[in-house]
Amino acid sequence: MSFDLKIKGNWNELKGKLKEKYGELTDDDLVYAEGQEDQLLGRLQKKTGVAKEELSKFLFDKENQN
C-alpha cells in the first residue's frame, strides 16, 4: 500500500493530540522529519497497535484535525 503523505497543520499541535489520544506515546516516538512519514507511521503502529490506515487518517487528513 502506498500513501501520498504530508503532515497537515502544526506538528506540535498534532503531537499533543496524539499524546492525548494514545497516552503511551513519548516524545521519542513522535520524532518527525519531513519525508519520513512511513517511519513515523511504523513507530506509532508498533507502539499503539493501531492500524496504519487509522493512524494515517488521523495524521494526514486535514478534516480530522479541526
PDB file of N, CA and C in Angstrom:
ATOM      1  N   MET A   1       0.849  -1.163   0.000  1.00  0.00           N
ATOM      2  CA  MET A   1       0.000   0.000   0.000  1.00  0.00           C
ATOM      3  C   MET A   1       0.899   1.232   0.000  1.00  0.00           C
ATOM      4  N   SER A   2       0.520   2.205  -0.804  1.00  0.00           N
ATOM      5  CA  SER A   2       1.323   3.416  -0.913  1.00  0.00           C
ATOM      6  C   SER A   2       0.492   4.607  -0.455  1.00  0.00           C
ATOM      7  N   PHE A   3       1.096   5.458   0.347  1.00  0.00           N
ATOM      8  CA  PHE A   3       0.417   6.648   0.829  1.00  0.00           C
ATOM      9  C   PHE A   3       1.108   7.874   0.242  1.00  0.00           C
ATOM     10  N   ASP A   4       0.297   8.847  -0.170  1.00  0.00           N
ATOM     11  CA  ASP A   4       0.848  10.146  -0.530  1.00  0.00           C
ATOM     12  C   ASP A   4       0.705  10.989   0.724  1.00  0.00           C
ATOM     13  N   LEU A   5       1.751  11.000   1.555  1.00  0.00           N
ATOM     14  CA  LEU A   5       1.637  11.542   2.893  1.00  0.00           C
ATOM     15  C   LEU A   5       2.303  12.903   3.031  1.00  0.00           C
ATOM     16  N   LYS A   6       1.642  13.765   3.719  1.00  0.00           N
ATOM     17  CA  LYS A   6       2.205  15.046   4.086  1.00  0.00           C
ATOM     18  C   LYS A   6       1.477  15.478   5.357  1.00  0.00           C
ATOM     19  N   ILE A   7       2.233  15.698   6.411  1.00  0.00           N
ATOM     20  CA  ILE A   7       1.642  16.131   7.674  1.00  0.00           C
ATOM     21  C   ILE A   7       0.930  17.453   7.430  1.00  0.00           C
ATOM     22  N   LYS A   8      -0.318  17.511   7.854  1.00  0.00           N
ATOM     23  CA  LYS A   8      -1.117  18.724   7.685  1.00  0.00           C
ATOM     24  C   LYS A   8      -1.137  19.505   8.991  1.00  0.00           C
ATOM     25  N   GLY A   9      -0.969  20.826   8.875  1.00  0.00           N
ATOM     26  CA  GLY A   9      -1.099  21.679  10.042  1.00  0.00           C
ATOM     27  C   GLY A   9       0.161  21.741  10.883  1.00  0.00           C
ATOM     28  N   ASN A  10      -0.003  22.178  12.105  1.00  0.00           N
ATOM     29  CA  ASN A  10       1.096  22.403  13.034  1.00  0.00           C
ATOM     30  C   ASN A  10       1.492  21.086  13.705  1.00  0.00           C
ATOM     31  N   TRP A  11       2.725  20.650  13.495  1.00  0.00           N
ATOM     32  CA  TRP A  11       3.182  19.368  14.026  1.00  0.00           C
ATOM     33  C   TRP A  11       3.136  19.336  15.543  1.00  0.00           C
ATOM     34  N   ASN A  12       3.496  20.421  16.214  1.00  0.00           N
ATOM     35  CA  ASN A  12       3.479  20.437  17.683  1.00  0.00           C
ATOM     36  C   ASN A  12       2.060  20.248  18.215  1.00  0.00           C
ATOM     37  N   GLU A  13       1.091  20.863  17.563  1.00  0.00           N
ATOM     38  CA  GLU A  13      -0.307  20.692  17.964  1.00  0.00           C
ATOM     39  C   GLU A  13      -0.754  19.257  17.726  1.00  0.00           C
ATOM     40  N   LEU A  14      -0.360  18.698  16.602  1.00  0.00           N
ATOM     41  CA  LEU A  14      -0.734  17.324  16.276  1.00  0.00           C
ATOM     42  C   LEU A  14      -0.086  16.330  17.240  1.00  0.00           C
ATOM     43  N   LYS A  15       1.158  16.591  17.646  1.00  0.00           N
ATOM     44  CA  LYS A  15       1.817  15.719  18.640  1.00  0.00           C
ATOM     45  C   LYS A  15       1.020  15.700  19.935  1.00  0.00           C
ATOM     46  N   GLY A  16       0.538  16.859  20.355  1.00  0.00           N
ATOM     47  CA  GLY A  16      -0.263  16.933  21.569  1.00  0.00           C
ATOM     48  C   GLY A  16      -1.536  16.113  21.454  1.00  0.00           C
ATOM     49  N   LYS A  17      -2.181  16.171  20.295  1.00  0.00           N
ATOM     50  CA  LYS A  17      -3.396  15.389  20.083  1.00  0.00           C
ATOM     51  C   LYS A  17      -3.093  13.896  20.100  1.00  0.00           C
ATOM     52  N   LEU A  18      -1.961  13.506  19.516  1.00  0.00           N
ATOM     53  CA  LEU A  18      -1.572  12.093  19.524  1.00  0.00           C
ATOM     54  C   LEU A  18      -1.313  11.602  20.943  1.00  0.00           C
ATOM     55  N   LYS A  19      -0.595  12.401  21.731  1.00  0.00           N
ATOM     56  CA  LYS A  19      -0.307  12.016  23.119  1.00  0.00           C
ATOM     57  C   LYS A  19      -1.587  11.921  23.931  1.00  0.00           C
ATOM     58  N   GLU A  20      -2.535  12.810  23.652  1.00  0.00           N
ATOM     59  CA  GLU A  20      -3.813  12.784  24.356  1.00  0.00           C
ATOM     60  C   GLU A  20      -4.600  11.521  23.992  1.00  0.00           C
ATOM     61  N   LYS A  21      -4.611  11.179  22.713  1.00  0.00           N
ATOM     62  CA  LYS A  21      -5.369  10.016  22.248  1.00  0.00           C
ATOM     63  C   LYS A  21      -4.678   8.703  22.607  1.00  0.00           C
ATOM     64  N   TYR A  22      -3.349   8.681  22.505  1.00  0.00           N
ATOM     65  CA  TYR A  22      -2.562   7.472  22.774  1.00  0.00           C
ATOM     66  C   TYR A  22      -1.555   7.808  23.873  1.00  0.00           C
ATOM     67  N   GLY A  23      -1.975   7.698  25.109  1.00  0.00           N
ATOM     68  CA  GLY A  23      -1.180   8.108  26.261  1.00  0.00           C
ATOM     69  C   GLY A  23       0.171   7.429  26.399  1.00  0.00           C
ATOM     70  N   GLU A  24       0.358   6.289  25.750  1.00  0.00           N
ATOM     71  CA  GLU A  24       1.622   5.563  25.870  1.00  0.00           C
ATOM     72  C   GLU A  24       2.737   6.137  24.993  1.00  0.00           C
ATOM     73  N   LEU A  25       2.415   7.109  24.142  1.00  0.00           N
ATOM     74  CA  LEU A  25       3.434   7.679  23.254  1.00  0.00           C
ATOM     75  C   LEU A  25       4.358   8.637  24.000  1.00  0.00           C
ATOM     76  N   THR A  26       5.620   8.617  23.608  1.00  0.00           N
ATOM     77  CA  THR A  26       6.619   9.525  24.186  1.00  0.00           C
ATOM     78  C   THR A  26       7.104  10.484  23.098  1.00  0.00           C
ATOM     79  N   ASP A  27       7.874  11.480  23.505  1.00  0.00           N
ATOM     80  CA  ASP A  27       8.461  12.404  22.538  1.00  0.00           C
ATOM     81  C   ASP A  27       9.339  11.666  21.534  1.00  0.00           C
ATOM     82  N   ASP A  28      10.054  10.644  21.985  1.00  0.00           N
ATOM     83  CA  ASP A  28      10.902   9.859  21.083  1.00  0.00           C
ATOM     84  C   ASP A  28      10.079   9.143  20.020  1.00  0.00           C
ATOM     85  N   ASP A  29       8.883   8.694  20.375  1.00  0.00           N
ATOM     86  CA  ASP A  29       8.010   8.037  19.408  1.00  0.00           C
ATOM     87  C   ASP A  29       7.529   9.013  18.345  1.00  0.00           C
ATOM     88  N   LEU A  30       7.478  10.286  18.695  1.00  0.00           N
ATOM     89  CA  LEU A  30       6.886  11.293  17.827  1.00  0.00           C
ATOM     90  C   LEU A  30       7.913  12.155  17.101  1.00  0.00           C
ATOM     91  N   VAL A  31       9.128  11.653  16.978  1.00  0.00           N
ATOM     92  CA  VAL A  31      10.147  12.381  16.217  1.00  0.00           C
ATOM     93  C   VAL A  31       9.740  12.322  14.745  1.00  0.00           C
ATOM     94  N   TYR A  32       9.654  13.491  14.121  1.00  0.00           N
ATOM     95  CA  TYR A  32       9.217  13.563  12.723  1.00  0.00           C
ATOM     96  C   TYR A  32      10.168  14.436  11.921  1.00  0.00           C
ATOM     97  N   ALA A  33      10.558  13.936  10.776  1.00  0.00           N
ATOM     98  CA  ALA A  33      11.331  14.717   9.820  1.00  0.00           C
ATOM     99  C   ALA A  33      10.623  14.611   8.481  1.00  0.00           C
ATOM    100  N   GLU A  34      10.526  15.717   7.786  1.00  0.00           N
ATOM    101  CA  GLU A  34       9.841  15.718   6.504  1.00  0.00           C
ATOM    102  C   GLU A  34      10.411  14.638   5.590  1.00  0.00           C
ATOM    103  N   GLY A  35       9.527  13.914   4.944  1.00  0.00           N
ATOM    104  CA  GLY A  35       9.940  12.834   4.059  1.00  0.00           C
ATOM    105  C   GLY A  35      10.052  11.487   4.755  1.00  0.00           C
ATOM    106  N   GLN A  36       9.847  11.457   6.069  1.00  0.00           N
ATOM    107  CA  GLN A  36       9.961  10.198   6.821  1.00  0.00           C
ATOM    108  C   GLN A  36       8.619   9.800   7.433  1.00  0.00           C
ATOM    109  N   GLU A  37       7.558  10.039   6.696  1.00  0.00           N
ATOM    110  CA  GLU A  37       6.221   9.744   7.186  1.00  0.00           C
ATOM    111  C   GLU A  37       6.019   8.249   7.432  1.00  0.00           C
ATOM    112  N   ASP A  38       6.559   7.410   6.539  1.00  0.00           N
ATOM    113  CA  ASP A  38       6.396   5.963   6.707  1.00  0.00           C
ATOM    114  C   ASP A  38       7.064   5.461   7.985  1.00  0.00           C
ATOM    115  N   GLN A  39       8.246   6.000   8.303  1.00  0.00           N
ATOM    116  CA  GLN A  39       8.930   5.602   9.540  1.00  0.00           C
ATOM    117  C   GLN A  39       8.117   6.020  10.758  1.00  0.00           C
ATOM    118  N   LEU A  40       7.544   7.208  10.714  1.00  0.00           N
ATOM    119  CA  LEU A  40       6.706   7.688  11.807  1.00  0.00           C
ATOM    120  C   LEU A  40       5.500   6.770  11.978  1.00  0.00           C
ATOM    121  N   LEU A  41       4.825   6.459  10.884  1.00  0.00           N
ATOM    122  CA  LEU A  41       3.668   5.566  10.959  1.00  0.00           C
ATOM    123  C   LEU A  41       4.047   4.205  11.532  1.00  0.00           C
ATOM    124  N   GLY A  42       5.181   3.676  11.121  1.00  0.00           N
ATOM    125  CA  GLY A  42       5.635   2.385  11.620  1.00  0.00           C
ATOM    126  C   GLY A  42       5.870   2.399  13.123  1.00  0.00           C
ATOM    127  N   ARG A  43       6.525   3.453  13.620  1.00  0.00           N
ATOM    128  CA  ARG A  43       6.762   3.575  15.069  1.00  0.00           C
ATOM    129  C   ARG A  43       5.449   3.669  15.831  1.00  0.00           C
ATOM    130  N   LEU A  44       4.538   4.494  15.312  1.00  0.00           N
ATOM    131  CA  LEU A  44       3.261   4.672  16.000  1.00  0.00           C
ATOM    132  C   LEU A  44       2.437   3.392  15.980  1.00  0.00           C
ATOM    133  N   GLN A  45       2.448   2.697  14.856  1.00  0.00           N
ATOM    134  CA  GLN A  45       1.709   1.442  14.746  1.00  0.00           C
ATOM    135  C   GLN A  45       2.260   0.411  15.724  1.00  0.00           C
ATOM    136  N   LYS A  46       3.567   0.300  15.793  1.00  0.00           N
ATOM    137  CA  LYS A  46       4.205  -0.663  16.694  1.00  0.00           C
ATOM    138  C   LYS A  46       3.884  -0.340  18.156  1.00  0.00           C
ATOM    139  N   LYS A  47       3.937   0.936  18.506  1.00  0.00           N
ATOM    140  CA  LYS A  47       3.735   1.353  19.897  1.00  0.00           C
ATOM    141  C   LYS A  47       2.267   1.248  20.326  1.00  0.00           C
ATOM    142  N   THR A  48       1.331   1.613  19.431  1.00  0.00           N
ATOM    143  CA  THR A  48      -0.076   1.671  19.815  1.00  0.00           C
ATOM    144  C   THR A  48      -0.877   0.433  19.425  1.00  0.00           C
ATOM    145  N   GLY A  49      -0.408  -0.296  18.418  1.00  0.00           N
ATOM    146  CA  GLY A  49      -1.162  -1.437  17.916  1.00  0.00           C
ATOM    147  C   GLY A  49      -2.330  -1.042  17.034  1.00  0.00           C
ATOM    148  N   VAL A  50      -2.410   0.225  16.681  1.00  0.00           N
ATOM    149  CA  VAL A  50      -3.492   0.740  15.843  1.00  0.00           C
ATOM    150  C   VAL A  50      -3.129   0.532  14.374  1.00  0.00           C
ATOM    151  N   ALA A  51      -4.121   0.247  13.543  1.00  0.00           N
ATOM    152  CA  ALA A  51      -3.897   0.006  12.121  1.00  0.00           C
ATOM    153  C   ALA A  51      -3.269   1.226  11.443  1.00  0.00           C
ATOM    154  N   LYS A  52      -2.395   0.951  10.498  1.00  0.00           N
ATOM    155  CA  LYS A  52      -1.697   2.009   9.762  1.00  0.00           C
ATOM    156  C   LYS A  52      -2.688   2.958   9.086  1.00  0.00           C
ATOM    157  N   GLU A  53      -3.783   2.417   8.566  1.00  0.00           N
ATOM    158  CA  GLU A  53      -4.778   3.242   7.889  1.00  0.00           C
ATOM    159  C   GLU A  53      -5.431   4.239   8.845  1.00  0.00           C
ATOM    160  N   GLU A  54      -5.728   3.785  10.058  1.00  0.00           N
ATOM    161  CA  GLU A  54      -6.345   4.668  11.054  1.00  0.00           C
ATOM    162  C   GLU A  54      -5.380   5.776  11.470  1.00  0.00           C
ATOM    163  N   LEU A  55      -4.131   5.399  11.704  1.00  0.00           N
ATOM    164  CA  LEU A  55      -3.126   6.400  12.067  1.00  0.00           C
ATOM    165  C   LEU A  55      -2.908   7.388  10.930  1.00  0.00           C
ATOM    166  N   SER A  56      -2.863   6.883   9.715  1.00  0.00           N
ATOM    167  CA  SER A  56      -2.666   7.737   8.548  1.00  0.00           C
ATOM    168  C   SER A  56      -3.795   8.744   8.417  1.00  0.00           C
ATOM    169  N   LYS A  57      -5.017   8.285   8.617  1.00  0.00           N
ATOM    170  CA  LYS A  57      -6.166   9.187   8.537  1.00  0.00           C
ATOM    171  C   LYS A  57      -6.071  10.263   9.613  1.00  0.00           C
ATOM    172  N   PHE A  58      -5.695   9.867  10.823  1.00  0.00           N
ATOM    173  CA  PHE A  58      -5.563  10.822  11.928  1.00  0.00           C
ATOM    174  C   PHE A  58      -4.484  11.865  11.625  1.00  0.00           C
ATOM    175  N   LEU A  59      -3.358  11.420  11.085  1.00  0.00           N
ATOM    176  CA  LEU A  59      -2.224  12.311  10.852  1.00  0.00           C
ATOM    177  C   LEU A  59      -2.351  13.164   9.599  1.00  0.00           C
ATOM    178  N   PHE A  60      -2.901  12.596   8.554  1.00  0.00           N
ATOM    179  CA  PHE A  60      -2.785  13.233   7.249  1.00  0.00           C
ATOM    180  C   PHE A  60      -4.089  13.744   6.672  1.00  0.00           C
ATOM    181  N   ASP A  61      -5.196  13.539   7.341  1.00  0.00           N
ATOM    182  CA  ASP A  61      -6.483  14.018   6.865  1.00  0.00           C
ATOM    183  C   ASP A  61      -6.809  15.324   7.569  1.00  0.00           C
ATOM    184  N   LYS A  62      -6.713  16.414   6.842  1.00  0.00           N
ATOM    185  CA  LYS A  62      -6.897  17.755   7.395  1.00  0.00           C
ATOM    186  C   LYS A  62      -8.250  17.890   8.112  1.00  0.00           C
ATOM    187  N   GLU A  63      -9.289  17.241   7.598  1.00  0.00           N
ATOM    188  CA  GLU A  63     -10.624  17.366   8.193  1.00  0.00           C
ATOM    189  C   GLU A  63     -10.661  16.818   9.618  1.00  0.00           C
ATOM    190  N   ASN A  64      -9.854  15.828   9.937  1.00  0.00           N
ATOM    191  CA  ASN A  64      -9.861  15.226  11.275  1.00  0.00           C
ATOM    192  C   ASN A  64      -9.089  16.060  12.288  1.00  0.00           C
ATOM    193  N   GLN A  65      -8.381  17.064  11.856  1.00  0.00           N
ATOM    194  CA  GLN A  65      -7.527  17.829  12.766  1.00  0.00           C
ATOM    195  C   GLN A  65      -8.180  19.107  13.256  1.00  0.00           C
ATOM    196  N   ASN A  66      -9.405  19.359  12.853  1.00  0.00           N
ATOM    197  CA  ASN A  66     -10.081  20.583  13.292  1.00  0.00           C
ATOM    198  C   ASN A  66     -10.909  20.350  14.523  1.00  0.00           C
TER     199      ASN A  66
END
